[in-house]
């Protein structure tokens, strides 16, 4: 009993002298989520999957989708563990919840685009449709993979969709309106994810800066 009490006291003391809060793990987890989302978008919007003769693109998409969900699960578990920590060292929960919600919304948009493209597998898409898929993939990839910066409300406004071609291929008339809408929504979700990640990064940096003097005072 005495040994147990001594061990508990030592563990409790070191939890405050040398703590390891969950917020220290969050930057890496958030970065993993953004990278996984970007990879999932690239595989979902890939034009090669329409003309593939094997299941390699489908396997790549399944792996990317699994990594997207695994990264989100790791982030959710870390946030759940942080709720048991002192309130003063808890991460920005609201921003983290917004990040998770926007991730799931982006996954939903990509699932819809994937279904629309798979229904036309084996067909040659029009050059305009290919251009829009590639442009959206590059735009989303740039927002999710660029270093975190200060995001403003102007950054997350819905981008104006490009004007469709004057003469549409008959096989694209039932695809392009819905495809353009999904791609525009995916673009704004990517910008919102960038803003959420920047907000989390700033909040964690401010918390770390505020706790450094307190830890130095305790050590003194």
Protein backbone atom coordinates (compact mmCIF):
# COMPACT_ATOMS: atom_id res chain seq x y z
CA UNK A 1 0.00 0.00 0.00
CA UNK A 2 2.81 2.41 0.88
CA UNK A 3 4.59 1.67 -2.40
CA UNK A 4 1.36 2.29 -4.30
CA UNK A 5 0.79 5.60 -2.55
CA UNK A 6 4.38 6.69 -3.20
CA UNK A 7 4.16 5.72 -6.87
CA UNK A 8 0.85 7.54 -7.29
CA UNK A 9 2.31 10.65 -5.68
CA UNK A 10 5.34 10.60 -7.95
CA UNK A 11 3.18 10.14 -11.05
CA UNK A 12 0.87 12.96 -9.96
CA UNK A 13 3.80 15.28 -9.26
CA UNK A 14 5.49 14.64 -12.60
CA UNK A 15 2.17 15.15 -14.40
CA UNK A 16 2.45 18.79 -13.37
CA UNK A 17 6.24 19.19 -13.49
CA UNK A 18 6.75 17.50 -16.89
CA UNK A 19 3.27 17.23 -18.41
CA UNK A 20 2.56 15.78 -21.83
CA UNK A 21 -0.70 17.36 -22.90
CA UNK A 22 -2.63 16.21 -25.94
CA UNK A 23 -2.28 19.62 -27.57
CA UNK A 24 1.37 18.85 -28.28
CA UNK A 25 0.26 16.03 -30.62
CA UNK A 26 -2.45 18.00 -32.41
CA UNK A 27 -0.34 19.90 -35.00
CA UNK A 28 0.98 16.63 -36.43
CA UNK A 29 -2.49 15.06 -36.37
CA UNK A 30 -4.06 18.05 -38.13
CA UNK A 31 -1.33 17.98 -40.77
CA UNK A 32 -1.95 14.27 -41.30
CA UNK A 33 -5.66 14.93 -41.76
CA UNK A 34 -5.02 17.62 -44.39
CA UNK A 35 -2.58 15.41 -46.31
CA UNK A 36 -5.02 12.50 -46.23
CA UNK A 37 -7.85 14.70 -47.48
CA UNK A 38 -5.69 16.01 -50.32
CA UNK A 39 -4.68 12.49 -51.36
CA UNK A 40 -8.31 11.37 -51.30
CA UNK A 41 -9.34 14.30 -53.49
CA UNK A 42 -6.59 13.55 -56.01
CA UNK A 43 -7.63 9.92 -56.37
CA UNK A 44 -11.33 10.78 -56.48
CA UNK A 45 -10.91 13.34 -59.28
CA UNK A 46 -8.37 11.39 -61.28
CA UNK A 47 -9.33 11.10 -64.93
CA UNK A 48 -7.22 7.95 -65.36
CA UNK A 49 -9.80 5.91 -63.47
CA UNK A 50 -12.28 6.33 -66.34
CA UNK A 51 -10.08 4.54 -68.84
CA UNK A 52 -8.21 2.13 -66.55
CA UNK A 53 -8.07 -1.49 -67.68
CA UNK A 54 -7.31 -2.81 -64.17
CA UNK A 55 -8.35 -2.02 -60.61
CA UNK A 56 -5.20 -0.10 -59.66
CA UNK A 57 -6.99 3.30 -59.51
CA UNK A 58 -9.80 1.79 -57.47
CA UNK A 59 -7.34 0.27 -55.01
CA UNK A 60 -5.51 3.60 -54.68
CA UNK A 61 -8.81 5.35 -53.99
CA UNK A 62 -9.80 2.81 -51.34
CA UNK A 63 -6.45 3.18 -49.59
CA UNK A 64 -6.68 6.97 -49.70
CA UNK A 65 -10.20 6.89 -48.32
CA UNK A 66 -9.15 4.56 -45.53
CA UNK A 67 -6.26 6.84 -44.57
CA UNK A 68 -8.64 9.82 -44.54
CA UNK A 69 -10.92 8.09 -42.05
CA UNK A 70 -8.02 6.72 -40.00
CA UNK A 71 -6.48 10.19 -39.66
CA UNK A 72 -9.82 11.62 -38.57
CA UNK A 73 -10.25 8.84 -36.02
CA UNK A 74 -6.82 9.57 -34.55
CA UNK A 75 -7.73 13.25 -34.27
CA UNK A 76 -11.08 12.48 -32.64
CA UNK A 77 -9.42 10.20 -30.07
CA UNK A 78 -6.86 12.87 -29.21
CA UNK A 79 -9.60 15.47 -28.74
CA UNK A 80 -11.57 13.06 -26.58
CA UNK A 81 -8.54 12.47 -24.35
CA UNK A 82 -7.97 16.21 -24.03
CA UNK A 83 -11.39 16.61 -22.42
CA UNK A 84 -10.01 14.84 -19.34
CA UNK A 85 -7.18 17.38 -19.00
CA UNK A 86 -7.32 20.69 -17.10
CA UNK A 87 -9.39 23.27 -18.93
CA UNK A 88 -6.46 25.69 -19.08
CA UNK A 89 -4.47 23.34 -21.32
CA UNK A 90 -7.32 22.04 -23.49
CA UNK A 91 -7.00 22.70 -27.24
CA UNK A 92 -9.45 24.88 -29.22
CA UNK A 93 -12.33 22.43 -29.26
CA UNK A 94 -14.68 24.49 -31.42
CA UNK A 95 -12.13 24.89 -34.22
CA UNK A 96 -11.30 21.19 -34.04
CA UNK A 97 -14.99 20.28 -34.31
CA UNK A 98 -15.35 22.56 -37.34
CA UNK A 99 -12.33 20.93 -38.94
CA UNK A 100 -13.80 17.47 -38.45
CA UNK A 101 -17.20 18.53 -39.79
CA UNK A 102 -15.68 20.09 -42.92
CA UNK A 103 -13.57 16.97 -43.49
CA UNK A 104 -16.62 14.74 -43.46
CA UNK A 105 -18.44 17.14 -45.79
CA UNK A 106 -15.53 17.07 -48.23
CA UNK A 107 -15.51 13.28 -48.11
CA UNK A 108 -19.21 13.34 -48.94
CA UNK A 109 -18.67 15.63 -51.92
CA UNK A 110 -15.90 13.41 -53.23
CA UNK A 111 -18.11 10.34 -52.87
CA UNK A 112 -20.76 12.00 -55.02
CA UNK A 113 -18.22 12.94 -57.69
CA UNK A 114 -16.77 9.44 -57.59
CA UNK A 115 -20.20 7.90 -58.19
CA UNK A 116 -20.90 10.23 -61.11
CA UNK A 117 -17.56 9.38 -62.72
CA UNK A 118 -17.86 5.63 -62.15
CA UNK A 119 -21.26 5.62 -63.86
CA UNK A 120 -19.41 6.79 -66.98
CA UNK A 121 -16.44 4.47 -66.71
CA UNK A 122 -15.19 3.44 -70.11
CA UNK A 123 -16.42 6.63 -71.73
CA UNK A 124 -14.14 9.41 -72.89
CA UNK A 125 -15.00 12.62 -71.00
CA UNK A 126 -15.11 15.92 -72.82
CA UNK A 127 -12.02 18.15 -72.68
CA UNK A 128 -13.97 20.71 -70.66
CA UNK A 129 -14.91 18.13 -68.01
CA UNK A 130 -11.31 16.93 -67.81
CA UNK A 131 -10.12 20.51 -67.44
CA UNK A 132 -12.54 21.17 -64.58
CA UNK A 133 -11.54 17.99 -62.74
CA UNK A 134 -7.84 18.78 -63.03
CA UNK A 135 -8.31 22.44 -62.06
CA UNK A 136 -10.38 21.56 -59.00
CA UNK A 137 -7.89 18.91 -57.90
CA UNK A 138 -4.97 21.34 -58.21
CA UNK A 139 -6.86 24.11 -56.40
CA UNK A 140 -7.89 21.87 -53.49
CA UNK A 141 -4.42 20.35 -53.30
CA UNK A 142 -2.87 23.81 -53.07
CA UNK A 143 -5.16 24.88 -50.24
CA UNK A 144 -4.71 21.72 -48.18
CA UNK A 145 -0.95 21.30 -48.58
CA UNK A 146 0.35 24.86 -48.42
CA UNK A 147 1.88 25.98 -45.09
CA UNK A 148 -0.65 27.32 -42.64
CA UNK A 149 -1.14 31.07 -42.85
CA UNK A 150 -3.55 33.64 -41.52
CA UNK A 151 -6.91 32.92 -43.14
CA UNK A 152 -9.54 35.58 -43.58
CA UNK A 153 -13.23 35.42 -44.33
CA UNK A 154 -12.49 36.40 -47.91
CA UNK A 155 -10.50 33.22 -48.36
CA UNK A 156 -13.52 30.99 -47.84
CA UNK A 157 -15.99 32.67 -50.14
CA UNK A 158 -17.50 30.42 -52.78
CA UNK A 159 -15.41 30.77 -55.94
CA UNK A 160 -17.24 31.72 -59.09
CA UNK A 161 -17.55 28.63 -61.29
CA UNK A 162 -16.13 28.95 -64.79
CA UNK A 163 -18.54 29.39 -67.65
CA UNK A 164 -19.39 26.11 -69.36
CA UNK A 165 -18.56 25.53 -72.96
CA UNK A 166 -21.08 26.94 -75.38
CA UNK A 167 -21.48 23.64 -77.18
CA UNK A 168 -21.72 20.74 -74.77
CA UNK A 169 -21.27 17.16 -75.71
CA UNK A 170 -24.69 15.43 -75.42
CA UNK A 171 -23.26 12.88 -72.97
CA UNK A 172 -22.09 15.71 -70.67
CA UNK A 173 -25.36 17.62 -70.45
CA UNK A 174 -26.56 15.56 -67.48
CA UNK A 175 -23.10 15.50 -65.87
CA UNK A 176 -21.58 18.96 -66.04
CA UNK A 177 -24.18 20.95 -64.03
CA UNK A 178 -23.96 18.59 -61.06
CA UNK A 179 -20.22 18.10 -61.44
CA UNK A 180 -19.57 21.85 -61.46
CA UNK A 181 -21.71 22.27 -58.37
CA UNK A 182 -19.88 19.52 -56.46
CA UNK A 183 -16.47 20.84 -57.47
CA UNK A 184 -17.36 24.39 -56.40
CA UNK A 185 -18.56 23.11 -53.01
CA UNK A 186 -15.38 21.06 -52.64
CA UNK A 187 -13.26 24.12 -53.33
CA UNK A 188 -14.91 26.14 -50.59
CA UNK A 189 -14.64 23.23 -48.16
CA UNK A 190 -10.91 23.03 -48.86
CA UNK A 191 -10.59 26.74 -48.09
CA UNK A 192 -12.58 26.29 -44.91
CA UNK A 193 -10.31 23.44 -43.87
CA UNK A 194 -7.31 25.66 -44.43
CA UNK A 195 -8.90 28.38 -42.30
CA UNK A 196 -9.78 25.87 -39.55
CA UNK A 197 -6.25 24.50 -39.50
CA UNK A 198 -4.80 28.01 -39.35
CA UNK A 199 -7.09 28.89 -36.46
CA UNK A 200 -6.05 25.75 -34.57
CA UNK A 201 -2.40 26.49 -35.23
CA UNK A 202 -2.70 30.05 -33.95
CA UNK A 203 -4.63 29.00 -30.84
CA UNK A 204 -2.10 26.32 -29.95
CA UNK A 205 0.79 28.73 -30.49
CA UNK A 206 -0.84 31.25 -28.16
CA UNK A 207 -1.42 28.58 -25.51
CA UNK A 208 2.18 27.42 -25.71
CA UNK A 209 3.45 30.99 -25.44
CA UNK A 210 1.25 31.59 -22.39
CA UNK A 211 2.31 28.41 -20.58
CA UNK A 212 6.05 28.83 -21.09
CA UNK A 213 6.37 31.65 -18.48
CA UNK A 214 4.19 29.69 -16.05
CA UNK A 215 6.34 26.58 -16.42
CA UNK A 216 9.51 28.66 -15.96
CA UNK A 217 8.07 30.15 -12.78
CA UNK A 218 7.23 26.70 -11.43
CA UNK A 219 10.73 25.45 -12.19
CA UNK A 220 12.24 28.47 -10.42
